[in-house]
């Protein structure tokens, strides 16, 4: 088979153990395209779902896959995409929550003043 037309079957494992897929993809498919498909197929009943592809991370064979790479470029000796491949999906917290955490961490907890009269 020609490398560009080679097909792989992938399912995406969500944090709660449920799956999206399996679906068949060309190994020329970019990781960003996979993330777009996950967004489109994200179960509506799940709360705090991703809003953009930047809210998602795909992990395969212990490696975080970069958006600008293709499936063919992500092949490794550990994962050769033979048979069914399961990729883990990690969702970052919504940006409103992330901003609140950062602001709370930067605020001083308590200011103590001491005065000395000589």
PDB file of N, CA and C in Angstrom:
ATOM      1  N   UNK A   1       0.831  -1.184   0.000  1.00  0.00           N
ATOM      2  CA  UNK A   1       0.000   0.000   0.000  1.00  0.00           C
ATOM      3  C   UNK A   1       0.872   1.242   0.000  1.00  0.00           C
ATOM      4  N   UNK A   2       0.446   2.261  -0.645  1.00  0.00           N
ATOM      5  CA  UNK A   2       1.138   3.534  -0.624  1.00  0.00           C
ATOM      6  C   UNK A   2       0.945   4.191   0.737  1.00  0.00           C
ATOM      7  N   UNK A   3       2.004   4.819   1.288  1.00  0.00           N
ATOM      8  CA  UNK A   3       1.956   5.425   2.618  1.00  0.00           C
ATOM      9  C   UNK A   3       0.856   6.450   2.775  1.00  0.00           C
ATOM     10  N   UNK A   4       0.586   7.244   1.739  1.00  0.00           N
ATOM     11  CA  UNK A   4      -0.403   8.310   1.848  1.00  0.00           C
ATOM     12  C   UNK A   4      -1.819   7.744   1.940  1.00  0.00           C
ATOM     13  N   UNK A   5      -2.072   6.586   1.302  1.00  0.00           N
ATOM     14  CA  UNK A   5      -3.423   6.036   1.263  1.00  0.00           C
ATOM     15  C   UNK A   5      -3.663   4.985   2.343  1.00  0.00           C
ATOM     16  N   UNK A   6      -2.668   4.734   3.174  1.00  0.00           N
ATOM     17  CA  UNK A   6      -2.810   3.755   4.235  1.00  0.00           C
ATOM     18  C   UNK A   6      -3.848   4.260   5.245  1.00  0.00           C
ATOM     19  N   UNK A   7      -4.720   3.365   5.685  1.00  0.00           N
ATOM     20  CA  UNK A   7      -5.777   3.742   6.615  1.00  0.00           C
ATOM     21  C   UNK A   7      -5.526   3.109   7.980  1.00  0.00           C
ATOM     22  N   UNK A   8      -5.925   3.830   9.031  1.00  0.00           N
ATOM     23  CA  UNK A   8      -5.808   3.315  10.392  1.00  0.00           C
ATOM     24  C   UNK A   8      -7.152   3.491  11.093  1.00  0.00           C
ATOM     25  N   UNK A   9      -7.421   2.583  12.005  1.00  0.00           N
ATOM     26  CA  UNK A   9      -8.667   2.650  12.768  1.00  0.00           C
ATOM     27  C   UNK A   9      -8.327   3.141  14.175  1.00  0.00           C
ATOM     28  N   UNK A  10      -8.974   4.244  14.592  1.00  0.00           N
ATOM     29  CA  UNK A  10      -8.659   4.882  15.871  1.00  0.00           C
ATOM     30  C   UNK A  10      -9.934   5.117  16.654  1.00  0.00           C
ATOM     31  N   UNK A  11      -9.854   4.848  17.959  1.00  0.00           N
ATOM     32  CA  UNK A  11     -10.915   5.274  18.866  1.00  0.00           C
ATOM     33  C   UNK A  11     -10.259   6.179  19.904  1.00  0.00           C
ATOM     34  N   UNK A  12     -11.046   7.110  20.412  1.00  0.00           N
ATOM     35  CA  UNK A  12     -10.543   8.096  21.353  1.00  0.00           C
ATOM     36  C   UNK A  12     -11.154   7.832  22.720  1.00  0.00           C
ATOM     37  N   UNK A  13     -10.306   7.574  23.706  1.00  0.00           N
ATOM     38  CA  UNK A  13     -10.751   7.270  25.061  1.00  0.00           C
ATOM     39  C   UNK A  13     -10.834   8.557  25.871  1.00  0.00           C
ATOM     40  N   UNK A  14     -12.029   8.835  26.400  1.00  0.00           N
ATOM     41  CA  UNK A  14     -12.251  10.034  27.202  1.00  0.00           C
ATOM     42  C   UNK A  14     -11.928   9.753  28.668  1.00  0.00           C
ATOM     43  N   UNK A  15     -11.846  10.804  29.477  1.00  0.00           N
ATOM     44  CA  UNK A  15     -11.432  10.679  30.876  1.00  0.00           C
ATOM     45  C   UNK A  15     -12.345   9.784  31.705  1.00  0.00           C
ATOM     46  N   UNK A  16     -13.596   9.650  31.319  1.00  0.00           N
ATOM     47  CA  UNK A  16     -14.524   8.825  32.088  1.00  0.00           C
ATOM     48  C   UNK A  16     -14.566   7.370  31.613  1.00  0.00           C
ATOM     49  N   UNK A  17     -13.709   7.032  30.650  1.00  0.00           N
ATOM     50  CA  UNK A  17     -13.645   5.663  30.148  1.00  0.00           C
ATOM     51  C   UNK A  17     -14.504   5.403  28.930  1.00  0.00           C
ATOM     52  N   UNK A  18     -15.340   6.361  28.543  1.00  0.00           N
ATOM     53  CA  UNK A  18     -16.144   6.187  27.333  1.00  0.00           C
ATOM     54  C   UNK A  18     -15.282   6.494  26.103  1.00  0.00           C
ATOM     55  N   UNK A  19     -15.777   6.108  24.946  1.00  0.00           N
ATOM     56  CA  UNK A  19     -15.012   6.260  23.711  1.00  0.00           C
ATOM     57  C   UNK A  19     -15.776   7.063  22.672  1.00  0.00           C
ATOM     58  N   UNK A  20     -15.018   7.717  21.800  1.00  0.00           N
ATOM     59  CA  UNK A  20     -15.533   8.291  20.564  1.00  0.00           C
ATOM     60  C   UNK A  20     -14.914   7.448  19.462  1.00  0.00           C
ATOM     61  N   UNK A  21     -15.748   6.910  18.605  1.00  0.00           N
ATOM     62  CA  UNK A  21     -15.240   6.062  17.530  1.00  0.00           C
ATOM     63  C   UNK A  21     -15.491   4.610  17.852  1.00  0.00           C
ATOM     64  N   UNK A  22     -14.867   3.733  17.139  1.00  0.00           N
ATOM     65  CA  UNK A  22     -13.735   3.914  16.235  1.00  0.00           C
ATOM     66  C   UNK A  22     -14.143   4.450  14.865  1.00  0.00           C
ATOM     67  N   UNK A  23     -13.199   5.149  14.263  1.00  0.00           N
ATOM     68  CA  UNK A  23     -13.341   5.653  12.903  1.00  0.00           C
ATOM     69  C   UNK A  23     -12.048   5.360  12.146  1.00  0.00           C
ATOM     70  N   UNK A  24     -12.144   5.388  10.831  1.00  0.00           N
ATOM     71  CA  UNK A  24     -10.987   5.121   9.988  1.00  0.00           C
ATOM     72  C   UNK A  24     -10.445   6.435   9.439  1.00  0.00           C
ATOM     73  N   UNK A  25      -9.121   6.600   9.515  1.00  0.00           N
ATOM     74  CA  UNK A  25      -8.452   7.813   9.054  1.00  0.00           C
ATOM     75  C   UNK A  25      -7.254   7.447   8.186  1.00  0.00           C
ATOM     76  N   UNK A  26      -6.929   8.324   7.260  1.00  0.00           N
ATOM     77  CA  UNK A  26      -5.707   8.191   6.472  1.00  0.00           C
ATOM     78  C   UNK A  26      -4.538   8.568   7.370  1.00  0.00           C
ATOM     79  N   UNK A  27      -3.388   7.950   7.160  1.00  0.00           N
ATOM     80  CA  UNK A  27      -2.229   8.310   7.977  1.00  0.00           C
ATOM     81  C   UNK A  27      -1.693   9.695   7.609  1.00  0.00           C
ATOM     82  N   UNK A  28      -2.238  10.299   6.557  1.00  0.00           N
ATOM     83  CA  UNK A  28      -1.869  11.670   6.197  1.00  0.00           C
ATOM     84  C   UNK A  28      -2.708  12.696   6.963  1.00  0.00           C
ATOM     85  N   UNK A  29      -3.640  12.229   7.813  1.00  0.00           N
ATOM     86  CA  UNK A  29      -4.497  13.123   8.593  1.00  0.00           C
ATOM     87  C   UNK A  29      -3.684  13.825   9.662  1.00  0.00           C
ATOM     88  N   UNK A  30      -3.903  15.138   9.806  1.00  0.00           N
ATOM     89  CA  UNK A  30      -3.181  15.893  10.835  1.00  0.00           C
ATOM     90  C   UNK A  30      -3.847  15.683  12.199  1.00  0.00           C
ATOM     91  N   UNK A  31      -3.065  15.900  13.236  1.00  0.00           N
ATOM     92  CA  UNK A  31      -3.580  15.783  14.597  1.00  0.00           C
ATOM     93  C   UNK A  31      -4.650  16.854  14.831  1.00  0.00           C
ATOM     94  N   UNK A  32      -4.456  18.055  14.282  1.00  0.00           N
ATOM     95  CA  UNK A  32      -5.461  19.119  14.408  1.00  0.00           C
ATOM     96  C   UNK A  32      -6.801  18.667  13.816  1.00  0.00           C
ATOM     97  N   UNK A  33      -6.768  17.957  12.694  1.00  0.00           N
ATOM     98  CA  UNK A  33      -8.002  17.448  12.075  1.00  0.00           C
ATOM     99  C   UNK A  33      -8.664  16.412  12.977  1.00  0.00           C
ATOM    100  N   UNK A  34      -7.871  15.553  13.610  1.00  0.00           N
ATOM    101  CA  UNK A  34      -8.438  14.581  14.547  1.00  0.00           C
ATOM    102  C   UNK A  34      -9.142  15.291  15.698  1.00  0.00           C
ATOM    103  N   UNK A  35      -8.510  16.347  16.209  1.00  0.00           N
ATOM    104  CA  UNK A  35      -9.112  17.099  17.307  1.00  0.00           C
ATOM    105  C   UNK A  35     -10.414  17.772  16.876  1.00  0.00           C
ATOM    106  N   UNK A  36     -10.463  18.260  15.643  1.00  0.00           N
ATOM    107  CA  UNK A  36     -11.705  18.854  15.130  1.00  0.00           C
ATOM    108  C   UNK A  36     -12.810  17.810  15.071  1.00  0.00           C
ATOM    109  N   UNK A  37     -12.466  16.599  14.675  1.00  0.00           N
ATOM    110  CA  UNK A  37     -13.457  15.510  14.627  1.00  0.00           C
ATOM    111  C   UNK A  37     -13.948  15.163  16.030  1.00  0.00           C
ATOM    112  N   UNK A  38     -13.032  15.180  17.007  1.00  0.00           N
ATOM    113  CA  UNK A  38     -13.419  14.904  18.390  1.00  0.00           C
ATOM    114  C   UNK A  38     -14.385  15.975  18.878  1.00  0.00           C
ATOM    115  N   UNK A  39     -14.082  17.246  18.592  1.00  0.00           N
ATOM    116  CA  UNK A  39     -14.981  18.337  18.980  1.00  0.00           C
ATOM    117  C   UNK A  39     -16.374  18.146  18.386  1.00  0.00           C
ATOM    118  N   UNK A  40     -16.420  17.772  17.117  1.00  0.00           N
ATOM    119  CA  UNK A  40     -17.702  17.587  16.430  1.00  0.00           C
ATOM    120  C   UNK A  40     -18.488  16.407  17.006  1.00  0.00           C
ATOM    121  N   UNK A  41     -17.795  15.389  17.487  1.00  0.00           N
ATOM    122  CA  UNK A  41     -18.456  14.183  17.984  1.00  0.00           C
ATOM    123  C   UNK A  41     -18.550  14.137  19.512  1.00  0.00           C
ATOM    124  N   UNK A  42     -18.110  15.212  20.179  1.00  0.00           N
ATOM    125  CA  UNK A  42     -18.108  15.216  21.648  1.00  0.00           C
ATOM    126  C   UNK A  42     -19.534  15.014  22.165  1.00  0.00           C
ATOM    127  N   UNK A  43     -19.730  14.094  23.099  1.00  0.00           N
ATOM    128  CA  UNK A  43     -21.079  13.845  23.632  1.00  0.00           C
ATOM    129  C   UNK A  43     -21.648  15.103  24.303  1.00  0.00           C
ATOM    130  N   UNK A  44     -22.820  15.519  23.875  1.00  0.00           N
ATOM    131  CA  UNK A  44     -23.439  16.754  24.367  1.00  0.00           C
ATOM    132  C   UNK A  44     -23.776  16.684  25.850  1.00  0.00           C
ATOM    133  N   UNK A  45     -24.021  15.473  26.369  1.00  0.00           N
ATOM    134  CA  UNK A  45     -24.413  15.345  27.770  1.00  0.00           C
ATOM    135  C   UNK A  45     -23.237  15.483  28.742  1.00  0.00           C
ATOM    136  N   UNK A  46     -22.029  15.451  28.238  1.00  0.00           N
ATOM    137  CA  UNK A  46     -20.855  15.590  29.114  1.00  0.00           C
ATOM    138  C   UNK A  46     -20.605  17.059  29.422  1.00  0.00           C
ATOM    139  N   UNK A  47     -20.451  17.380  30.701  1.00  0.00           N
ATOM    140  CA  UNK A  47     -20.220  18.759  31.116  1.00  0.00           C
ATOM    141  C   UNK A  47     -18.740  19.102  30.972  1.00  0.00           C
ATOM    142  N   UNK A  48     -18.468  20.394  30.888  1.00  0.00           N
ATOM    143  CA  UNK A  48     -17.101  20.911  30.784  1.00  0.00           C
ATOM    144  C   UNK A  48     -16.336  20.325  29.599  1.00  0.00           C
ATOM    145  N   UNK A  49     -17.016  20.213  28.480  1.00  0.00           N
ATOM    146  CA  UNK A  49     -16.374  19.722  27.269  1.00  0.00           C
ATOM    147  C   UNK A  49     -15.446  20.771  26.679  1.00  0.00           C
ATOM    148  N   UNK A  50     -14.600  20.360  25.764  1.00  0.00           N
ATOM    149  CA  UNK A  50     -13.669  21.300  25.129  1.00  0.00           C
ATOM    150  C   UNK A  50     -14.404  22.278  24.213  1.00  0.00           C
ATOM    151  N   UNK A  51     -13.856  23.483  24.092  1.00  0.00           N
ATOM    152  CA  UNK A  51     -14.447  24.495  23.209  1.00  0.00           C
ATOM    153  C   UNK A  51     -13.667  24.616  21.911  1.00  0.00           C
ATOM    154  N   UNK A  52     -12.355  24.447  21.980  1.00  0.00           N
ATOM    155  CA  UNK A  52     -11.491  24.546  20.800  1.00  0.00           C
ATOM    156  C   UNK A  52     -10.517  23.380  20.801  1.00  0.00           C
ATOM    157  N   UNK A  53      -9.806  23.211  19.688  1.00  0.00           N
ATOM    158  CA  UNK A  53      -8.824  22.124  19.640  1.00  0.00           C
ATOM    159  C   UNK A  53      -7.671  22.379  20.610  1.00  0.00           C
ATOM    160  N   UNK A  54      -7.466  23.634  21.008  1.00  0.00           N
ATOM    161  CA  UNK A  54      -6.402  23.928  21.969  1.00  0.00           C
ATOM    162  C   UNK A  54      -6.751  23.464  23.374  1.00  0.00           C
ATOM    163  N   UNK A  55      -8.024  23.134  23.621  1.00  0.00           N
ATOM    164  CA  UNK A  55      -8.442  22.595  24.915  1.00  0.00           C
ATOM    165  C   UNK A  55      -8.205  21.091  24.999  1.00  0.00           C
ATOM    166  N   UNK A  56      -7.811  20.475  23.887  1.00  0.00           N
ATOM    167  CA  UNK A  56      -7.620  19.026  23.823  1.00  0.00           C
ATOM    168  C   UNK A  56      -6.143  18.668  23.690  1.00  0.00           C
ATOM    169  N   UNK A  57      -5.782  17.562  24.318  1.00  0.00           N
ATOM    170  CA  UNK A  57      -4.476  16.951  24.088  1.00  0.00           C
ATOM    171  C   UNK A  57      -4.732  15.489  23.754  1.00  0.00           C
ATOM    172  N   UNK A  58      -4.064  15.002  22.718  1.00  0.00           N
ATOM    173  CA  UNK A  58      -4.145  13.585  22.357  1.00  0.00           C
ATOM    174  C   UNK A  58      -2.859  12.913  22.794  1.00  0.00           C
ATOM    175  N   UNK A  59      -2.993  11.785  23.450  1.00  0.00           N
ATOM    176  CA  UNK A  59      -1.835  11.034  23.918  1.00  0.00           C
ATOM    177  C   UNK A  59      -1.881   9.659  23.290  1.00  0.00           C
ATOM    178  N   UNK A  60      -0.758   9.283  22.684  1.00  0.00           N
ATOM    179  CA  UNK A  60      -0.639   7.966  22.073  1.00  0.00           C
ATOM    180  C   UNK A  60       0.741   7.419  22.402  1.00  0.00           C
ATOM    181  N   UNK A  61       0.779   6.202  22.912  1.00  0.00           N
ATOM    182  CA  UNK A  61       2.036   5.548  23.282  1.00  0.00           C
ATOM    183  C   UNK A  61       2.856   6.430  24.225  1.00  0.00           C
ATOM    184  N   UNK A  62       2.164   7.141  25.129  1.00  0.00           N
ATOM    185  CA  UNK A  62       2.844   7.963  26.117  1.00  0.00           C
ATOM    186  C   UNK A  62       3.350   9.299  25.620  1.00  0.00           C
ATOM    187  N   UNK A  63       3.022   9.655  24.387  1.00  0.00           N
ATOM    188  CA  UNK A  63       3.484  10.920  23.820  1.00  0.00           C
ATOM    189  C   UNK A  63       2.299  11.828  23.527  1.00  0.00           C
ATOM    190  N   UNK A  64       2.464  13.131  23.849  1.00  0.00           N
ATOM    191  CA  UNK A  64       1.457  14.120  23.480  1.00  0.00           C
ATOM    192  C   UNK A  64       1.681  14.449  22.012  1.00  0.00           C
ATOM    193  N   UNK A  65       0.628  14.350  21.212  1.00  0.00           N
ATOM    194  CA  UNK A  65       0.736  14.558  19.778  1.00  0.00           C
ATOM    195  C   UNK A  65       0.527  16.030  19.440  1.00  0.00           C
ATOM    196  N   UNK A  66       1.383  16.573  18.590  1.00  0.00           N
ATOM    197  CA  UNK A  66       1.351  17.987  18.229  1.00  0.00           C
ATOM    198  C   UNK A  66       0.394  18.215  17.061  1.00  0.00           C
ATOM    199  N   UNK A  67      -0.313  19.359  17.097  1.00  0.00           N
ATOM    200  CA  UNK A  67      -1.330  19.680  16.094  1.00  0.00           C
ATOM    201  C   UNK A  67      -0.795  19.688  14.668  1.00  0.00           C
ATOM    202  N   UNK A  68       0.428  20.150  14.467  1.00  0.00           N
ATOM    203  CA  UNK A  68       0.954  20.331  13.110  1.00  0.00           C
ATOM    204  C   UNK A  68       1.539  19.053  12.517  1.00  0.00           C
ATOM    205  N   UNK A  69       1.459  17.953  13.210  1.00  0.00           N
ATOM    206  CA  UNK A  69       2.014  16.690  12.708  1.00  0.00           C
ATOM    207  C   UNK A  69       0.891  15.808  12.161  1.00  0.00           C
ATOM    208  N   UNK A  70       1.288  14.839  11.339  1.00  0.00           N
ATOM    209  CA  UNK A  70       0.315  13.879  10.802  1.00  0.00           C
ATOM    210  C   UNK A  70       0.424  12.570  11.559  1.00  0.00           C
ATOM    211  N   UNK A  71      -0.537  11.689  11.347  1.00  0.00           N
ATOM    212  CA  UNK A  71      -0.472  10.371  11.965  1.00  0.00           C
ATOM    213  C   UNK A  71       0.789   9.623  11.535  1.00  0.00           C
ATOM    214  N   UNK A  72       1.161   9.769  10.270  1.00  0.00           N
ATOM    215  CA  UNK A  72       2.362   9.093   9.772  1.00  0.00           C
ATOM    216  C   UNK A  72       3.601   9.563  10.527  1.00  0.00           C
ATOM    217  N   UNK A  73       3.668  10.839  10.857  1.00  0.00           N
ATOM    218  CA  UNK A  73       4.817  11.388  11.580  1.00  0.00           C
ATOM    219  C   UNK A  73       4.822  10.977  13.049  1.00  0.00           C
ATOM    220  N   UNK A  74       3.688  10.541  13.549  1.00  0.00           N
ATOM    221  CA  UNK A  74       3.592  10.147  14.953  1.00  0.00           C
ATOM    222  C   UNK A  74       3.843   8.660  15.168  1.00  0.00           C
ATOM    223  N   UNK A  75       4.053   7.925  14.093  1.00  0.00           N
ATOM    224  CA  UNK A  75       4.338   6.498  14.216  1.00  0.00           C
ATOM    225  C   UNK A  75       5.616   6.302  15.008  1.00  0.00           C
ATOM    226  N   UNK A  76       5.644   5.266  15.811  1.00  0.00           N
ATOM    227  CA  UNK A  76       6.843   4.939  16.578  1.00  0.00           C
ATOM    228  C   UNK A  76       6.948   3.424  16.657  1.00  0.00           C
ATOM    229  N   UNK A  77       8.101   2.913  17.100  1.00  0.00           N
ATOM    230  CA  UNK A  77       8.219   1.458  17.251  1.00  0.00           C
ATOM    231  C   UNK A  77       7.196   0.895  18.230  1.00  0.00           C
ATOM    232  N   UNK A  78       6.781   1.713  19.214  1.00  0.00           N
ATOM    233  CA  UNK A  78       5.804   1.258  20.199  1.00  0.00           C
ATOM    234  C   UNK A  78       4.417   1.185  19.577  1.00  0.00           C
ATOM    235  N   UNK A  79       4.102   2.156  18.741  1.00  0.00           N
ATOM    236  CA  UNK A  79       2.766   2.230  18.138  1.00  0.00           C
ATOM    237  C   UNK A  79       2.900   2.302  16.628  1.00  0.00           C
ATOM    238  N   UNK A  80       2.578   1.233  15.947  1.00  0.00           N
ATOM    239  CA  UNK A  80       2.698   1.222  14.494  1.00  0.00           C
ATOM    240  C   UNK A  80       1.334   1.314  13.810  1.00  0.00           C
ATOM    241  N   UNK A  81       0.272   1.572  14.574  1.00  0.00           N
ATOM    242  CA  UNK A  81      -1.086   1.719  14.063  1.00  0.00           C
ATOM    243  C   UNK A  81      -1.605   0.456  13.380  1.00  0.00           C
ATOM    244  N   UNK A  82      -1.090  -0.713  13.762  1.00  0.00           N
ATOM    245  CA  UNK A  82      -1.651  -1.946  13.213  1.00  0.00           C
ATOM    246  C   UNK A  82      -2.823  -2.354  14.102  1.00  0.00           C
ATOM    247  N   UNK A  83      -3.930  -2.690  13.486  1.00  0.00           N
ATOM    248  CA  UNK A  83      -5.127  -3.015  14.248  1.00  0.00           C
ATOM    249  C   UNK A  83      -5.772  -1.748  14.802  1.00  0.00           C
ATOM    250  N   UNK A  84      -6.566  -1.912  15.847  1.00  0.00           N
ATOM    251  CA  UNK A  84      -7.260  -0.784  16.474  1.00  0.00           C
ATOM    252  C   UNK A  84      -6.272  -0.022  17.352  1.00  0.00           C
ATOM    253  N   UNK A  85      -6.252   1.296  17.218  1.00  0.00           N
ATOM    254  CA  UNK A  85      -5.413   2.147  18.048  1.00  0.00           C
ATOM    255  C   UNK A  85      -6.314   2.980  18.951  1.00  0.00           C
ATOM    256  N   UNK A  86      -5.972   3.046  20.231  1.00  0.00           N
ATOM    257  CA  UNK A  86      -6.713   3.876  21.175  1.00  0.00           C
ATOM    258  C   UNK A  86      -5.837   5.050  21.557  1.00  0.00           C
ATOM    259  N   UNK A  87      -6.383   6.249  21.395  1.00  0.00           N
ATOM    260  CA  UNK A  87      -5.692   7.463  21.806  1.00  0.00           C
ATOM    261  C   UNK A  87      -6.452   8.052  22.984  1.00  0.00           C
ATOM    262  N   UNK A  88      -5.717   8.520  23.969  1.00  0.00           N
ATOM    263  CA  UNK A  88      -6.334   9.117  25.147  1.00  0.00           C
ATOM    264  C   UNK A  88      -6.533  10.608  24.911  1.00  0.00           C
ATOM    265  N   UNK A  89      -7.689  11.109  25.335  1.00  0.00           N
ATOM    266  CA  UNK A  89      -8.043  12.512  25.170  1.00  0.00           C
ATOM    267  C   UNK A  89      -8.028  13.180  26.540  1.00  0.00           C
ATOM    268  N   UNK A  90      -7.236  14.245  26.653  1.00  0.00           N
ATOM    269  CA  UNK A  90      -7.188  15.025  27.888  1.00  0.00           C
ATOM    270  C   UNK A  90      -7.782  16.386  27.577  1.00  0.00           C
ATOM    271  N   UNK A  91      -8.700  16.836  28.423  1.00  0.00           N
ATOM    272  CA  UNK A  91      -9.360  18.131  28.233  1.00  0.00           C
ATOM    273  C   UNK A  91      -8.865  19.086  29.300  1.00  0.00           C
ATOM    274  N   UNK A  92      -8.385  20.244  28.850  1.00  0.00           N
ATOM    275  CA  UNK A  92      -7.985  21.287  29.796  1.00  0.00           C
ATOM    276  C   UNK A  92      -9.237  21.942  30.356  1.00  0.00           C
ATOM    277  N   UNK A  93      -9.114  22.467  31.568  1.00  0.00           N
ATOM    278  CA  UNK A  93     -10.246  23.154  32.196  1.00  0.00           C
ATOM    279  C   UNK A  93     -10.631  24.358  31.351  1.00  0.00           C
ATOM    280  N   UNK A  94     -11.912  24.719  31.320  1.00  0.00           N
ATOM    281  CA  UNK A  94     -12.323  25.910  30.567  1.00  0.00           C
ATOM    282  C   UNK A  94     -11.524  27.131  31.008  1.00  0.00           C
ATOM    283  N   UNK A  95     -11.251  28.033  30.080  1.00  0.00           N
ATOM    284  CA  UNK A  95     -10.371  29.168  30.338  1.00  0.00           C
ATOM    285  C   UNK A  95     -10.872  30.076  31.452  1.00  0.00           C
ATOM    286  N   UNK A  96     -12.164  30.186  31.676  1.00  0.00           N
ATOM    287  CA  UNK A  96     -12.679  31.026  32.766  1.00  0.00           C
ATOM    288  C   UNK A  96     -12.197  30.488  34.110  1.00  0.00           C
ATOM    289  N   UNK A  97     -12.200  29.170  34.269  1.00  0.00           N
ATOM    290  CA  UNK A  97     -11.736  28.565  35.516  1.00  0.00           C
ATOM    291  C   UNK A  97     -10.228  28.713  35.661  1.00  0.00           C
ATOM    292  N   UNK A  98      -9.485  28.544  34.561  1.00  0.00           N
ATOM    293  CA  UNK A  98      -8.025  28.670  34.626  1.00  0.00           C
ATOM    294  C   UNK A  98      -7.642  30.079  35.047  1.00  0.00           C
ATOM    295  N   UNK A  99      -8.307  31.090  34.519  1.00  0.00           N
ATOM    296  CA  UNK A  99      -7.992  32.469  34.861  1.00  0.00           C
ATOM    297  C   UNK A  99      -8.246  32.756  36.329  1.00  0.00           C
ATOM    298  N   UNK A 100      -9.309  32.195  36.880  1.00  0.00           N
ATOM    299  CA  UNK A 100      -9.641  32.399  38.284  1.00  0.00           C
ATOM    300  C   UNK A 100      -8.572  31.791  39.178  1.00  0.00           C
ATOM    301  N   UNK A 101      -8.096  30.604  38.835  1.00  0.00           N
ATOM    302  CA  UNK A 101      -7.062  29.954  39.630  1.00  0.00           C
ATOM    303  C   UNK A 101      -5.779  30.760  39.625  1.00  0.00           C
ATOM    304  N   UNK A 102      -5.397  31.280  38.468  1.00  0.00           N
ATOM    305  CA  UNK A 102      -4.167  32.046  38.368  1.00  0.00           C
ATOM    306  C   UNK A 102      -4.266  33.333  39.184  1.00  0.00           C
ATOM    307  N   UNK A 103      -5.404  34.016  39.092  1.00  0.00           N
ATOM    308  CA  UNK A 103      -5.567  35.260  39.835  1.00  0.00           C
ATOM    309  C   UNK A 103      -5.548  34.990  41.335  1.00  0.00           C
ATOM    310  N   UNK A 104      -6.189  33.942  41.771  1.00  0.00           N
ATOM    311  CA  UNK A 104      -6.226  33.625  43.197  1.00  0.00           C
ATOM    312  C   UNK A 104      -4.830  33.293  43.717  1.00  0.00           C
ATOM    313  N   UNK A 105      -4.022  32.647  42.909  1.00  0.00           N
ATOM    314  CA  UNK A 105      -2.670  32.290  43.322  1.00  0.00           C
ATOM    315  C   UNK A 105      -1.785  33.517  43.435  1.00  0.00           C
ATOM    316  N   UNK A 106      -2.025  34.545  42.638  1.00  0.00           N
ATOM    317  CA  UNK A 106      -1.196  35.740  42.640  1.00  0.00           C
ATOM    318  C   UNK A 106      -1.556  36.704  43.767  1.00  0.00           C
ATOM    319  N   UNK A 107      -2.793  36.657  44.261  1.00  0.00           N
ATOM    320  CA  UNK A 107      -3.216  37.564  45.306  1.00  0.00           C
ATOM    321  C   UNK A 107      -2.533  37.200  46.619  1.00  0.00           C
ATOM    322  N   UNK A 108      -2.071  38.198  47.362  1.00  0.00           N
ATOM    323  CA  UNK A 108      -1.460  37.881  48.657  1.00  0.00           C
ATOM    324  C   UNK A 108      -2.524  37.352  49.604  1.00  0.00           C
ATOM    325  N   UNK A 109      -2.137  36.397  50.425  1.00  0.00           N
ATOM    326  CA  UNK A 109      -3.106  35.794  51.326  1.00  0.00           C
ATOM    327  C   UNK A 109      -3.452  36.719  52.476  1.00  0.00           C
ATOM    328  N   UNK A 110      -2.459  37.256  53.120  1.00  0.00           N
ATOM    329  CA  UNK A 110      -2.697  38.151  54.224  1.00  0.00           C
ATOM    330  C   UNK A 110      -1.466  39.022  54.402  1.00  0.00           C
ATOM    331  N   UNK A 111      -1.686  40.274  54.613  1.00  0.00           N
ATOM    332  CA  UNK A 111      -0.571  41.196  54.819  1.00  0.00           C
ATOM    333  C   UNK A 111      -0.483  41.482  56.311  1.00  0.00           C
ATOM    334  N   UNK A 112       0.673  41.241  56.872  1.00  0.00           N
ATOM    335  CA  UNK A 112       0.883  41.521  58.288  1.00  0.00           C
ATOM    336  C   UNK A 112       1.843  42.697  58.397  1.00  0.00           C
ATOM    337  N   UNK A 113       1.465  43.657  59.194  1.00  0.00           N
ATOM    338  CA  UNK A 113       2.312  44.821  59.428  1.00  0.00           C
ATOM    339  C   UNK A 113       2.734  44.854  60.881  1.00  0.00           C
ATOM    340  N   UNK A 114       3.903  45.258  61.072  1.00  0.00           N
ATOM    341  CA  UNK A 114       4.382  45.407  62.446  1.00  0.00           C
ATOM    342  C   UNK A 114       4.931  46.810  62.645  1.00  0.00           C
ATOM    343  N   UNK A 115       4.614  47.398  63.750  1.00  0.00           N
ATOM    344  CA  UNK A 115       5.118  48.732  64.050  1.00  0.00           C
ATOM    345  C   UNK A 115       6.025  48.660  65.280  1.00  0.00           C
ATOM    346  N   UNK A 116       7.080  49.376  65.225  1.00  0.00           N
ATOM    347  CA  UNK A 116       8.000  49.438  66.360  1.00  0.00           C
ATOM    348  C   UNK A 116       8.110  50.901  66.769  1.00  0.00           C
ATOM    349  N   UNK A 117       7.819  51.206  68.030  1.00  0.00           N
ATOM    350  CA  UNK A 117       7.955  52.577  68.544  1.00  0.00           C
ATOM    351  C   UNK A 117       9.180  52.611  69.416  1.00  0.00           C
ATOM    352  N   UNK A 118      10.115  53.459  69.083  1.00  0.00           N
ATOM    353  CA  UNK A 118      11.349  53.572  69.854  1.00  0.00           C
ATOM    354  C   UNK A 118      11.316  54.720  70.787  1.00  0.00           C
TER     355      UNK A 118
END
